[in-house]
Amino acid sequence: MKACIERVQGDSKTCIARIQTASKTCNARIQAVSKIYYARIQGDSKTCNAHIQVASKTCNAHIQVASKICNAHIEADSKC
């Protein structure tokens, strides 16, 4: 009876240790994955912001060219 109780206690301790190890491993994996995804999200937003900046610069350049052409036409028209 005593041997049985000791065996059950030993088994439950081993089982608890296994669960703790598994949950630590699992948590470590979750943290690693979330860090990767977080880095990816930050990277994506930086890339996105860079694209937005390029697009707005290109747009501004087009606007400037168009306004210069428009102003030139206005000046030519005003000379008429």
C-alpha atoms as a PDB file:
ATOM      1  CA  MET A   1       0.000   0.000   0.000  1.00  0.00           C
ATOM      2  CA  LYS A   2       2.771   2.428   0.972  1.00  0.00           C
ATOM      3  CA  ALA A   3       4.749   1.533  -2.166  1.00  0.00           C
ATOM      4  CA  CYS A   4       1.652   2.155  -4.288  1.00  0.00           C
ATOM      5  CA  ILE A   5       1.042   5.569  -2.692  1.00  0.00           C
ATOM      6  CA  GLU A   6       4.717   6.509  -3.224  1.00  0.00           C
ATOM      7  CA  ARG A   7       4.495   5.371  -6.857  1.00  0.00           C
ATOM      8  CA  VAL A   8       1.311   7.414  -7.443  1.00  0.00           C
ATOM      9  CA  GLN A   9       2.881  10.453  -5.774  1.00  0.00           C
ATOM     10  CA  GLY A  10       6.044   9.971  -7.830  1.00  0.00           C
ATOM     11  CA  ASP A  11       4.008   9.624 -11.019  1.00  0.00           C
ATOM     12  CA  SER A  12       1.950  12.714 -10.248  1.00  0.00           C
ATOM     13  CA  LYS A  13       5.139  14.714  -9.517  1.00  0.00           C
ATOM     14  CA  THR A  14       6.623  13.540 -12.831  1.00  0.00           C
ATOM     15  CA  CYS A  15       3.380  14.379 -14.572  1.00  0.00           C
ATOM     16  CA  ILE A  16       3.248  17.879 -13.020  1.00  0.00           C
ATOM     17  CA  ALA A  17       6.897  18.456 -13.966  1.00  0.00           C
ATOM     18  CA  ARG A  18       6.120  17.381 -17.549  1.00  0.00           C
ATOM     19  CA  ILE A  19       3.124  19.737 -17.703  1.00  0.00           C
ATOM     20  CA  GLN A  20       5.232  22.604 -16.334  1.00  0.00           C
ATOM     21  CA  THR A  21       8.010  21.907 -18.846  1.00  0.00           C
ATOM     22  CA  ALA A  22       5.497  21.634 -21.690  1.00  0.00           C
ATOM     23  CA  SER A  23       3.784  24.900 -20.715  1.00  0.00           C
ATOM     24  CA  LYS A  24       7.163  26.690 -20.407  1.00  0.00           C
ATOM     25  CA  THR A  25       8.160  25.393 -23.847  1.00  0.00           C
ATOM     26  CA  CYS A  26       4.775  26.392 -25.232  1.00  0.00           C
ATOM     27  CA  ASN A  27       4.977  29.893 -23.701  1.00  0.00           C
ATOM     28  CA  ALA A  28       8.512  30.321 -25.031  1.00  0.00           C
ATOM     29  CA  ARG A  29       7.278  29.343 -28.506  1.00  0.00           C
ATOM     30  CA  ILE A  30       4.335  31.749 -28.277  1.00  0.00           C
ATOM     31  CA  GLN A  31       6.672  34.567 -27.207  1.00  0.00           C
ATOM     32  CA  ALA A  32       9.117  33.763 -30.022  1.00  0.00           C
ATOM     33  CA  VAL A  33       6.331  33.653 -32.594  1.00  0.00           C
ATOM     34  CA  SER A  34       4.713  36.845 -31.290  1.00  0.00           C
ATOM     35  CA  LYS A  35       8.124  38.608 -31.409  1.00  0.00           C
ATOM     36  CA  ILE A  36       8.562  37.478 -35.033  1.00  0.00           C
ATOM     37  CA  TYR A  37       5.057  38.646 -35.931  1.00  0.00           C
ATOM     38  CA  TYR A  38       5.494  41.902 -34.030  1.00  0.00           C
ATOM     39  CA  ALA A  39       8.770  42.535 -35.870  1.00  0.00           C
ATOM     40  CA  ARG A  40       7.011  41.688 -39.132  1.00  0.00           C
ATOM     41  CA  ILE A  41       4.134  44.077 -38.340  1.00  0.00           C
ATOM     42  CA  GLN A  42       6.600  46.854 -37.492  1.00  0.00           C
ATOM     43  CA  GLY A  43       8.543  46.085 -40.661  1.00  0.00           C
ATOM     44  CA  ASP A  44       5.352  46.125 -42.711  1.00  0.00           C
ATOM     45  CA  SER A  45       4.255  49.455 -41.268  1.00  0.00           C
ATOM     46  CA  LYS A  46       7.719  50.904 -41.964  1.00  0.00           C
ATOM     47  CA  THR A  47       7.527  49.582 -45.540  1.00  0.00           C
ATOM     48  CA  CYS A  48       3.999  50.927 -45.846  1.00  0.00           C
ATOM     49  CA  ASN A  49       5.066  54.346 -44.529  1.00  0.00           C
ATOM     50  CA  ALA A  50       8.002  54.362 -46.945  1.00  0.00           C
ATOM     51  CA  HIS A  51       5.638  53.599 -49.844  1.00  0.00           C
ATOM     52  CA  ILE A  52       3.280  56.359 -48.686  1.00  0.00           C
ATOM     53  CA  GLN A  53       6.187  58.844 -48.486  1.00  0.00           C
ATOM     54  CA  VAL A  54       7.406  57.888 -51.975  1.00  0.00           C
ATOM     55  CA  ALA A  55       3.866  58.116 -53.353  1.00  0.00           C
ATOM     56  CA  SER A  56       3.272  61.523 -51.759  1.00  0.00           C
ATOM     57  CA  LYS A  57       6.652  62.819 -53.004  1.00  0.00           C
ATOM     58  CA  THR A  58       5.843  61.574 -56.512  1.00  0.00           C
ATOM     59  CA  CYS A  59       2.384  63.117 -56.277  1.00  0.00           C
ATOM     60  CA  ASN A  60       3.810  66.440 -55.048  1.00  0.00           C
ATOM     61  CA  ALA A  61       6.349  66.422 -57.877  1.00  0.00           C
ATOM     62  CA  HIS A  62       3.558  65.844 -60.413  1.00  0.00           C
ATOM     63  CA  ILE A  63       1.513  68.647 -58.842  1.00  0.00           C
ATOM     64  CA  GLN A  64       4.501  71.015 -59.000  1.00  0.00           C
ATOM     65  CA  VAL A  65       5.148  70.172 -62.665  1.00  0.00           C
ATOM     66  CA  ALA A  66       1.453  70.524 -63.495  1.00  0.00           C
ATOM     67  CA  SER A  67       1.194  73.860 -61.652  1.00  0.00           C
ATOM     68  CA  LYS A  68       4.322  75.169 -63.439  1.00  0.00           C
ATOM     69  CA  ILE A  69       2.814  74.180 -66.809  1.00  0.00           C
ATOM     70  CA  CYS A  70      -0.517  75.709 -65.765  1.00  0.00           C
ATOM     71  CA  ASN A  71       1.193  78.931 -64.598  1.00  0.00           C
ATOM     72  CA  ALA A  72       3.096  79.112 -67.877  1.00  0.00           C
ATOM     73  CA  HIS A  73      -0.191  78.811 -69.786  1.00  0.00           C
ATOM     74  CA  ILE A  74      -1.801  81.469 -67.562  1.00  0.00           C
ATOM     75  CA  GLU A  75       1.143  83.804 -68.192  1.00  0.00           C
ATOM     76  CA  ALA A  76       0.955  83.164 -71.947  1.00  0.00           C
ATOM     77  CA  ASP A  77      -2.800  83.763 -71.899  1.00  0.00           C
ATOM     78  CA  SER A  78      -2.418  86.968 -69.885  1.00  0.00           C
ATOM     79  CA  LYS A  79      -0.030  88.307 -72.538  1.00  0.00           C
ATOM     80  CA  CYS A  80      -2.836  87.954 -75.047  1.00  0.00           C
END
